[in-house]
Amino acid sequence: MNAITTPTKQQPVSAKADDLIAAGYKWNDTFSLWFGGKGYSRVLNADGKPANAEGDFWKKYGMLASQYSGEQLPLQVLQSNAGFYIGT
């Protein structure tokens, strides 16, 4: 591996990783996913397969509510005096 393809601490090390880097994908340690495509619109798992829309990255529920109360409250567009926001 050369400096361009040297993996970060969590990036998978494989021939597939080299192929993804050559195709313009970038590894994201925070999410453990590959991001690529125009505007990083394509998301792949560590093995190079498309990320599942039902996976952890695509949560449809409020993260804080889930962590602190165990409830899965659906995300929705809400409004306050400051404007609109996405929350529970």
N, C-alpha and C. Protein backbone atom coordinates (compact mmCIF):
# COMPACT_ATOMS: atom_id res chain seq x y z
N MET A 1 0.84 -1.18 0.00
CA MET A 1 0.00 0.00 0.00
C MET A 1 0.88 1.25 0.00
N ASN A 2 0.46 2.23 -0.73
CA ASN A 2 1.21 3.47 -0.75
C ASN A 2 0.51 4.51 0.11
N ALA A 3 1.02 5.73 0.10
CA ALA A 3 0.46 6.78 0.97
C ALA A 3 -0.99 7.10 0.62
N ILE A 4 -1.37 6.94 -0.63
CA ILE A 4 -2.74 7.27 -1.03
C ILE A 4 -3.72 6.23 -0.49
N THR A 5 -3.30 4.97 -0.46
CA THR A 5 -4.22 3.91 -0.05
C THR A 5 -3.97 3.43 1.37
N THR A 6 -3.11 4.09 2.13
CA THR A 6 -2.88 3.68 3.50
C THR A 6 -4.15 3.87 4.31
N PRO A 7 -4.64 2.82 4.92
CA PRO A 7 -5.91 2.92 5.64
C PRO A 7 -5.79 3.70 6.93
N THR A 8 -6.91 4.26 7.37
CA THR A 8 -6.95 4.88 8.68
C THR A 8 -7.05 3.75 9.69
N LYS A 9 -7.16 4.07 10.97
CA LYS A 9 -7.12 3.04 12.00
C LYS A 9 -8.20 1.99 11.88
N GLN A 10 -9.38 2.34 11.32
CA GLN A 10 -10.47 1.38 11.24
C GLN A 10 -10.80 0.94 9.82
N GLN A 11 -10.21 1.58 8.84
CA GLN A 11 -10.56 1.27 7.46
C GLN A 11 -10.22 -0.17 7.12
N PRO A 12 -11.10 -0.88 6.45
CA PRO A 12 -10.80 -2.25 6.06
C PRO A 12 -9.60 -2.30 5.13
N VAL A 13 -8.75 -3.26 5.33
CA VAL A 13 -7.57 -3.43 4.48
C VAL A 13 -7.85 -4.62 3.57
N SER A 14 -8.05 -4.33 2.30
CA SER A 14 -8.31 -5.40 1.34
C SER A 14 -8.13 -4.84 -0.06
N ALA A 15 -8.15 -5.73 -1.03
CA ALA A 15 -8.09 -5.29 -2.42
C ALA A 15 -9.33 -4.46 -2.74
N LYS A 16 -10.46 -4.80 -2.11
CA LYS A 16 -11.69 -4.04 -2.32
C LYS A 16 -11.50 -2.59 -1.87
N ALA A 17 -10.79 -2.37 -0.76
CA ALA A 17 -10.54 -1.02 -0.27
C ALA A 17 -9.75 -0.23 -1.31
N ASP A 18 -8.75 -0.85 -1.90
CA ASP A 18 -7.96 -0.18 -2.94
C ASP A 18 -8.84 0.18 -4.14
N ASP A 19 -9.75 -0.73 -4.52
CA ASP A 19 -10.65 -0.46 -5.64
C ASP A 19 -11.58 0.71 -5.33
N LEU A 20 -12.10 0.74 -4.10
CA LEU A 20 -13.01 1.83 -3.71
C LEU A 20 -12.28 3.17 -3.69
N ILE A 21 -11.07 3.19 -3.17
CA ILE A 21 -10.27 4.42 -3.16
C ILE A 21 -10.01 4.89 -4.58
N ALA A 22 -9.65 3.95 -5.45
CA ALA A 22 -9.39 4.29 -6.85
C ALA A 22 -10.65 4.84 -7.53
N ALA A 23 -11.83 4.39 -7.08
CA ALA A 23 -13.10 4.86 -7.65
C ALA A 23 -13.56 6.17 -7.02
N GLY A 24 -12.77 6.72 -6.09
CA GLY A 24 -13.10 8.02 -5.51
C GLY A 24 -13.85 7.97 -4.20
N TYR A 25 -14.00 6.78 -3.61
CA TYR A 25 -14.67 6.68 -2.32
C TYR A 25 -13.71 7.07 -1.20
N LYS A 26 -14.27 7.62 -0.14
CA LYS A 26 -13.48 7.99 1.04
C LYS A 26 -14.05 7.24 2.24
N TRP A 27 -13.17 6.71 3.07
CA TRP A 27 -13.57 5.98 4.27
C TRP A 27 -13.87 6.95 5.39
N ASN A 28 -14.96 6.75 6.12
CA ASN A 28 -15.32 7.60 7.25
C ASN A 28 -15.27 6.76 8.52
N ASP A 29 -14.28 7.05 9.40
CA ASP A 29 -14.11 6.29 10.64
C ASP A 29 -15.30 6.42 11.57
N THR A 30 -15.92 7.58 11.61
CA THR A 30 -17.03 7.82 12.53
C THR A 30 -18.18 6.86 12.27
N PHE A 31 -18.53 6.69 11.00
CA PHE A 31 -19.66 5.84 10.64
C PHE A 31 -19.24 4.45 10.18
N SER A 32 -17.94 4.23 9.99
CA SER A 32 -17.42 2.97 9.43
C SER A 32 -18.12 2.64 8.11
N LEU A 33 -18.17 3.64 7.24
CA LEU A 33 -18.79 3.51 5.93
C LEU A 33 -17.92 4.18 4.87
N TRP A 34 -18.08 3.75 3.62
CA TRP A 34 -17.46 4.39 2.47
C TRP A 34 -18.44 5.40 1.89
N PHE A 35 -17.99 6.61 1.60
CA PHE A 35 -18.81 7.63 0.97
C PHE A 35 -18.21 7.96 -0.38
N GLY A 36 -19.05 8.02 -1.43
CA GLY A 36 -18.55 8.34 -2.76
C GLY A 36 -19.68 8.78 -3.66
N GLY A 37 -19.36 8.90 -4.93
CA GLY A 37 -20.34 9.34 -5.90
C GLY A 37 -20.45 10.86 -5.89
N LYS A 38 -21.23 11.37 -6.80
CA LYS A 38 -21.40 12.82 -6.92
C LYS A 38 -22.05 13.35 -5.64
N GLY A 39 -21.36 14.24 -4.97
CA GLY A 39 -21.86 14.79 -3.71
C GLY A 39 -21.91 13.77 -2.60
N TYR A 40 -21.10 12.73 -2.72
CA TYR A 40 -21.07 11.63 -1.75
C TYR A 40 -22.46 11.04 -1.53
N SER A 41 -23.19 10.87 -2.63
CA SER A 41 -24.56 10.35 -2.54
C SER A 41 -24.61 8.84 -2.40
N ARG A 42 -23.50 8.16 -2.60
CA ARG A 42 -23.49 6.71 -2.47
C ARG A 42 -22.78 6.32 -1.19
N VAL A 43 -23.40 5.41 -0.45
CA VAL A 43 -22.84 4.97 0.82
C VAL A 43 -22.70 3.45 0.78
N LEU A 44 -21.50 2.97 1.11
CA LEU A 44 -21.22 1.54 1.09
C LEU A 44 -20.75 1.08 2.47
N ASN A 45 -21.07 -0.16 2.81
CA ASN A 45 -20.57 -0.77 4.04
C ASN A 45 -19.08 -1.05 3.90
N ALA A 46 -18.46 -1.50 4.96
CA ALA A 46 -17.04 -1.80 4.95
C ALA A 46 -16.66 -2.82 3.89
N ASP A 47 -17.57 -3.74 3.57
CA ASP A 47 -17.30 -4.77 2.57
C ASP A 47 -17.55 -4.30 1.14
N GLY A 48 -17.96 -3.02 0.97
CA GLY A 48 -18.16 -2.46 -0.35
C GLY A 48 -19.56 -2.64 -0.91
N LYS A 49 -20.46 -3.24 -0.13
CA LYS A 49 -21.85 -3.42 -0.58
C LYS A 49 -22.66 -2.19 -0.18
N PRO A 50 -23.71 -1.87 -0.94
CA PRO A 50 -24.52 -0.69 -0.60
C PRO A 50 -25.05 -0.77 0.83
N ALA A 51 -25.01 0.36 1.53
CA ALA A 51 -25.51 0.41 2.90
C ALA A 51 -27.01 0.22 2.90
N ASN A 52 -27.49 -0.57 3.80
CA ASN A 52 -28.92 -0.87 3.92
C ASN A 52 -29.65 0.35 4.48
N ALA A 53 -30.76 0.71 3.87
CA ALA A 53 -31.54 1.86 4.33
C ALA A 53 -32.08 1.64 5.73
N GLU A 54 -32.14 0.40 6.19
CA GLU A 54 -32.63 0.11 7.53
C GLU A 54 -31.50 0.04 8.56
N GLY A 55 -30.26 0.26 8.12
CA GLY A 55 -29.12 0.14 9.01
C GLY A 55 -29.00 1.29 10.00
N ASP A 56 -28.01 1.19 10.89
CA ASP A 56 -27.81 2.18 11.94
C ASP A 56 -27.59 3.58 11.40
N PHE A 57 -26.95 3.71 10.23
CA PHE A 57 -26.63 5.03 9.69
C PHE A 57 -27.90 5.80 9.32
N TRP A 58 -28.94 5.08 8.95
CA TRP A 58 -30.16 5.71 8.47
C TRP A 58 -31.26 5.68 9.51
N LYS A 59 -30.97 6.04 10.72
CA LYS A 59 -31.97 5.99 11.79
C LYS A 59 -33.16 6.89 11.48
N LYS A 60 -34.32 6.37 11.81
CA LYS A 60 -35.56 7.12 11.58
C LYS A 60 -36.15 7.60 12.89
N TYR A 61 -35.45 7.33 13.97
CA TYR A 61 -35.94 7.68 15.30
C TYR A 61 -34.97 8.62 15.99
N GLY A 62 -35.46 9.36 16.96
CA GLY A 62 -34.63 10.29 17.71
C GLY A 62 -33.55 9.57 18.50
N MET A 63 -32.30 9.93 18.27
CA MET A 63 -31.17 9.27 18.91
C MET A 63 -31.15 9.52 20.42
N LEU A 64 -31.34 10.76 20.85
CA LEU A 64 -31.28 11.08 22.28
C LEU A 64 -32.42 10.42 23.04
N ALA A 65 -33.62 10.45 22.47
CA ALA A 65 -34.75 9.80 23.12
C ALA A 65 -34.48 8.31 23.29
N SER A 66 -33.89 7.70 22.28
CA SER A 66 -33.58 6.28 22.33
C SER A 66 -32.52 5.98 23.39
N GLN A 67 -31.48 6.82 23.46
CA GLN A 67 -30.39 6.60 24.41
C GLN A 67 -30.83 6.81 25.85
N TYR A 68 -31.64 7.82 26.11
CA TYR A 68 -31.95 8.18 27.49
C TYR A 68 -33.25 7.57 28.03
N SER A 69 -34.21 7.28 27.14
CA SER A 69 -35.47 6.73 27.64
C SER A 69 -35.79 5.36 27.05
N GLY A 70 -35.04 4.97 26.04
CA GLY A 70 -35.30 3.69 25.40
C GLY A 70 -36.47 3.73 24.42
N GLU A 71 -37.08 4.89 24.25
CA GLU A 71 -38.23 5.03 23.34
C GLU A 71 -37.75 5.29 21.91
N GLN A 72 -38.50 4.79 20.95
CA GLN A 72 -38.20 5.07 19.55
C GLN A 72 -39.24 6.05 19.03
N LEU A 73 -38.97 7.32 19.25
CA LEU A 73 -39.88 8.38 18.80
C LEU A 73 -39.53 8.75 17.36
N PRO A 74 -40.51 8.79 16.47
CA PRO A 74 -40.22 9.08 15.06
C PRO A 74 -39.75 10.51 14.87
N LEU A 75 -38.79 10.69 13.95
CA LEU A 75 -38.33 12.04 13.60
C LEU A 75 -39.41 12.75 12.80
N GLN A 76 -39.53 14.04 13.04
CA GLN A 76 -40.50 14.84 12.30
C GLN A 76 -40.03 16.28 12.22
N VAL A 77 -40.60 17.02 11.29
CA VAL A 77 -40.27 18.44 11.16
C VAL A 77 -41.09 19.19 12.20
N LEU A 78 -40.39 19.96 13.04
CA LEU A 78 -41.04 20.73 14.10
C LEU A 78 -40.73 22.20 13.91
N GLN A 79 -41.47 23.06 14.61
CA GLN A 79 -41.26 24.50 14.49
C GLN A 79 -41.16 25.12 15.88
N SER A 80 -40.23 26.07 16.00
CA SER A 80 -40.11 26.85 17.23
C SER A 80 -40.06 28.33 16.82
N ASN A 81 -39.91 29.21 17.79
CA ASN A 81 -39.79 30.64 17.47
C ASN A 81 -38.55 30.92 16.63
N ALA A 82 -37.55 30.05 16.75
CA ALA A 82 -36.31 30.24 15.98
C ALA A 82 -36.41 29.72 14.55
N GLY A 83 -37.42 28.90 14.27
CA GLY A 83 -37.57 28.35 12.92
C GLY A 83 -37.92 26.87 12.95
N PHE A 84 -37.66 26.19 11.84
CA PHE A 84 -37.97 24.78 11.71
C PHE A 84 -36.76 23.93 12.07
N TYR A 85 -37.01 22.72 12.56
CA TYR A 85 -35.93 21.77 12.87
C TYR A 85 -36.48 20.35 12.81
N ILE A 86 -35.59 19.39 12.74
CA ILE A 86 -35.98 17.98 12.76
C ILE A 86 -35.74 17.47 14.15
N GLY A 87 -36.75 16.89 14.74
CA GLY A 87 -36.64 16.38 16.11
C GLY A 87 -37.74 15.42 16.42
N THR A 88 -37.95 15.19 17.73
CA THR A 88 -38.99 14.26 18.16
C THR A 88 -40.08 15.04 18.87
